[in-house]
Amino acid sequence: MQYTGIYEAKNNFSALIEQVEKGEEVRITRHGKEVARMLPVRRKPVITDEQIERELQQIDALHASIRPGPAVHELRDEGGRE
């Protein structure tokens, strides 16, 4: 990751674009504070479709294993049966 000021970014724009095309992230600053990011268009996804599908299957399995407990009115009535 590279940080560069706006003035330098303007003067070296083509070189920065080349770096981004190679996969590097460039952050542009103004007075030391980040104001923009240049990111490569083709980045590896954070999570794949296969991972998403596995997670959804696990959620479905968890939902199927959950059995409902007593209803609220059953719990309320049970407290008064002494």
C-alpha atoms as a PDB file:
ATOM      1  CA  MET A   1       0.000   0.000   0.000  1.00  0.00           C
ATOM      2  CA  GLN A   2       1.318   3.393  -0.914  1.00  0.00           C
ATOM      3  CA  TYR A   3       0.399   6.844   0.355  1.00  0.00           C
ATOM      4  CA  THR A   4       0.831   9.895  -1.837  1.00  0.00           C
ATOM      5  CA  GLY A   5      -0.240  13.518  -1.642  1.00  0.00           C
ATOM      6  CA  ILE A   6      -2.668  15.021  -4.139  1.00  0.00           C
ATOM      7  CA  TYR A   7       0.017  17.101  -5.851  1.00  0.00           C
ATOM      8  CA  GLU A   8       2.284  14.077  -6.302  1.00  0.00           C
ATOM      9  CA  ALA A   9      -0.662  11.960  -7.447  1.00  0.00           C
ATOM     10  CA  LYS A  10      -1.531  14.530 -10.102  1.00  0.00           C
ATOM     11  CA  ASN A  11       2.047  14.661 -11.359  1.00  0.00           C
ATOM     12  CA  ASN A  12       2.548  10.874 -11.287  1.00  0.00           C
ATOM     13  CA  PHE A  13      -0.930   9.683 -12.198  1.00  0.00           C
ATOM     14  CA  SER A  14       0.169   7.286 -14.954  1.00  0.00           C
ATOM     15  CA  ALA A  15       2.746   5.641 -12.710  1.00  0.00           C
ATOM     16  CA  LEU A  16       0.153   5.267  -9.935  1.00  0.00           C
ATOM     17  CA  ILE A  17      -2.293   3.663 -12.371  1.00  0.00           C
ATOM     18  CA  GLU A  18       0.409   1.161 -13.367  1.00  0.00           C
ATOM     19  CA  GLN A  19       0.946   0.258  -9.717  1.00  0.00           C
ATOM     20  CA  VAL A  20      -2.783  -0.213  -9.200  1.00  0.00           C
ATOM     21  CA  GLU A  21      -2.979  -2.410 -12.312  1.00  0.00           C
ATOM     22  CA  LYS A  22      -0.302  -4.613 -10.728  1.00  0.00           C
ATOM     23  CA  GLY A  23      -2.551  -5.082  -7.695  1.00  0.00           C
ATOM     24  CA  GLU A  24      -1.256  -2.397  -5.343  1.00  0.00           C
ATOM     25  CA  GLU A  25      -3.534  -0.083  -3.386  1.00  0.00           C
ATOM     26  CA  VAL A  26      -2.728   3.637  -3.496  1.00  0.00           C
ATOM     27  CA  ARG A  27      -4.105   6.039  -0.914  1.00  0.00           C
ATOM     28  CA  ILE A  28      -4.191   9.739  -1.714  1.00  0.00           C
ATOM     29  CA  THR A  29      -3.850  12.266   1.070  1.00  0.00           C
ATOM     30  CA  ARG A  30      -4.464  15.966   1.568  1.00  0.00           C
ATOM     31  CA  HIS A  31      -2.510  17.578   4.393  1.00  0.00           C
ATOM     32  CA  GLY A  32      -1.709  14.125   5.754  1.00  0.00           C
ATOM     33  CA  LYS A  33      -5.319  12.904   5.846  1.00  0.00           C
ATOM     34  CA  GLU A  34      -6.534  10.183   3.507  1.00  0.00           C
ATOM     35  CA  VAL A  35      -9.117  11.491   1.034  1.00  0.00           C
ATOM     36  CA  ALA A  36      -9.197   8.833  -1.714  1.00  0.00           C
ATOM     37  CA  ARG A  37      -8.135   5.290  -2.560  1.00  0.00           C
ATOM     38  CA  MET A  38      -7.183   3.783  -5.862  1.00  0.00           C
ATOM     39  CA  LEU A  39      -7.912   0.049  -5.923  1.00  0.00           C
ATOM     40  CA  PRO A  40      -7.419  -2.593  -8.598  1.00  0.00           C
ATOM     41  CA  VAL A  41     -10.643  -3.503 -10.355  1.00  0.00           C
ATOM     42  CA  ARG A  42      -9.942  -7.215 -10.364  1.00  0.00           C
ATOM     43  CA  ARG A  43      -9.394  -8.261  -6.813  1.00  0.00           C
ATOM     44  CA  LYS A  44      -9.905 -11.718  -5.444  1.00  0.00           C
ATOM     45  CA  PRO A  45     -13.250 -11.928  -3.695  1.00  0.00           C
ATOM     46  CA  VAL A  46     -13.106 -11.939   0.071  1.00  0.00           C
ATOM     47  CA  ILE A  47     -15.394 -14.959   0.104  1.00  0.00           C
ATOM     48  CA  THR A  48     -16.108 -17.385  -2.715  1.00  0.00           C
ATOM     49  CA  ASP A  49     -19.484 -18.623  -3.892  1.00  0.00           C
ATOM     50  CA  GLU A  50     -18.602 -22.079  -2.562  1.00  0.00           C
ATOM     51  CA  GLN A  51     -17.907 -20.649   0.886  1.00  0.00           C
ATOM     52  CA  ILE A  52     -21.202 -18.778   0.838  1.00  0.00           C
ATOM     53  CA  GLU A  53     -23.052 -21.962  -0.144  1.00  0.00           C
ATOM     54  CA  ARG A  54     -21.369 -23.933   2.677  1.00  0.00           C
ATOM     55  CA  GLU A  55     -22.275 -21.248   5.219  1.00  0.00           C
ATOM     56  CA  LEU A  56     -25.904 -21.217   4.050  1.00  0.00           C
ATOM     57  CA  GLN A  57     -26.076 -25.009   4.339  1.00  0.00           C
ATOM     58  CA  GLN A  58     -24.720 -24.827   7.878  1.00  0.00           C
ATOM     59  CA  ILE A  59     -27.313 -22.187   8.781  1.00  0.00           C
ATOM     60  CA  ASP A  60     -30.085 -24.358   7.317  1.00  0.00           C
ATOM     61  CA  ALA A  61     -28.829 -27.353   9.311  1.00  0.00           C
ATOM     62  CA  LEU A  62     -28.762 -25.264  12.490  1.00  0.00           C
ATOM     63  CA  HIS A  63     -32.303 -24.021  11.891  1.00  0.00           C
ATOM     64  CA  ALA A  64     -33.491 -27.595  11.306  1.00  0.00           C
ATOM     65  CA  SER A  65     -31.952 -28.705  14.624  1.00  0.00           C
ATOM     66  CA  ILE A  66     -33.690 -26.020  16.694  1.00  0.00           C
ATOM     67  CA  ARG A  67     -36.849 -27.232  18.399  1.00  0.00           C
ATOM     68  CA  PRO A  68     -39.319 -24.705  19.741  1.00  0.00           C
ATOM     69  CA  GLY A  69     -39.729 -24.505  23.480  1.00  0.00           C
ATOM     70  CA  PRO A  70     -42.941 -23.923  25.362  1.00  0.00           C
ATOM     71  CA  ALA A  71     -45.095 -20.988  24.338  1.00  0.00           C
ATOM     72  CA  VAL A  72     -45.119 -17.883  26.505  1.00  0.00           C
ATOM     73  CA  HIS A  73     -48.646 -18.555  27.803  1.00  0.00           C
ATOM     74  CA  GLU A  74     -47.592 -22.102  28.823  1.00  0.00           C
ATOM     75  CA  LEU A  75     -44.706 -20.726  30.842  1.00  0.00           C
ATOM     76  CA  ARG A  76     -46.981 -18.114  32.421  1.00  0.00           C
ATOM     77  CA  ASP A  77     -49.623 -20.682  33.327  1.00  0.00           C
ATOM     78  CA  GLU A  78     -47.029 -23.105  34.660  1.00  0.00           C
ATOM     79  CA  GLY A  79     -45.904 -20.548  37.239  1.00  0.00           C
ATOM     80  CA  GLY A  80     -49.394 -20.411  38.782  1.00  0.00           C
ATOM     81  CA  ARG A  81     -49.944 -24.154  39.179  1.00  0.00           C
ATOM     82  CA  GLU A  82     -48.606 -24.577  42.672  1.00  0.00           C
END
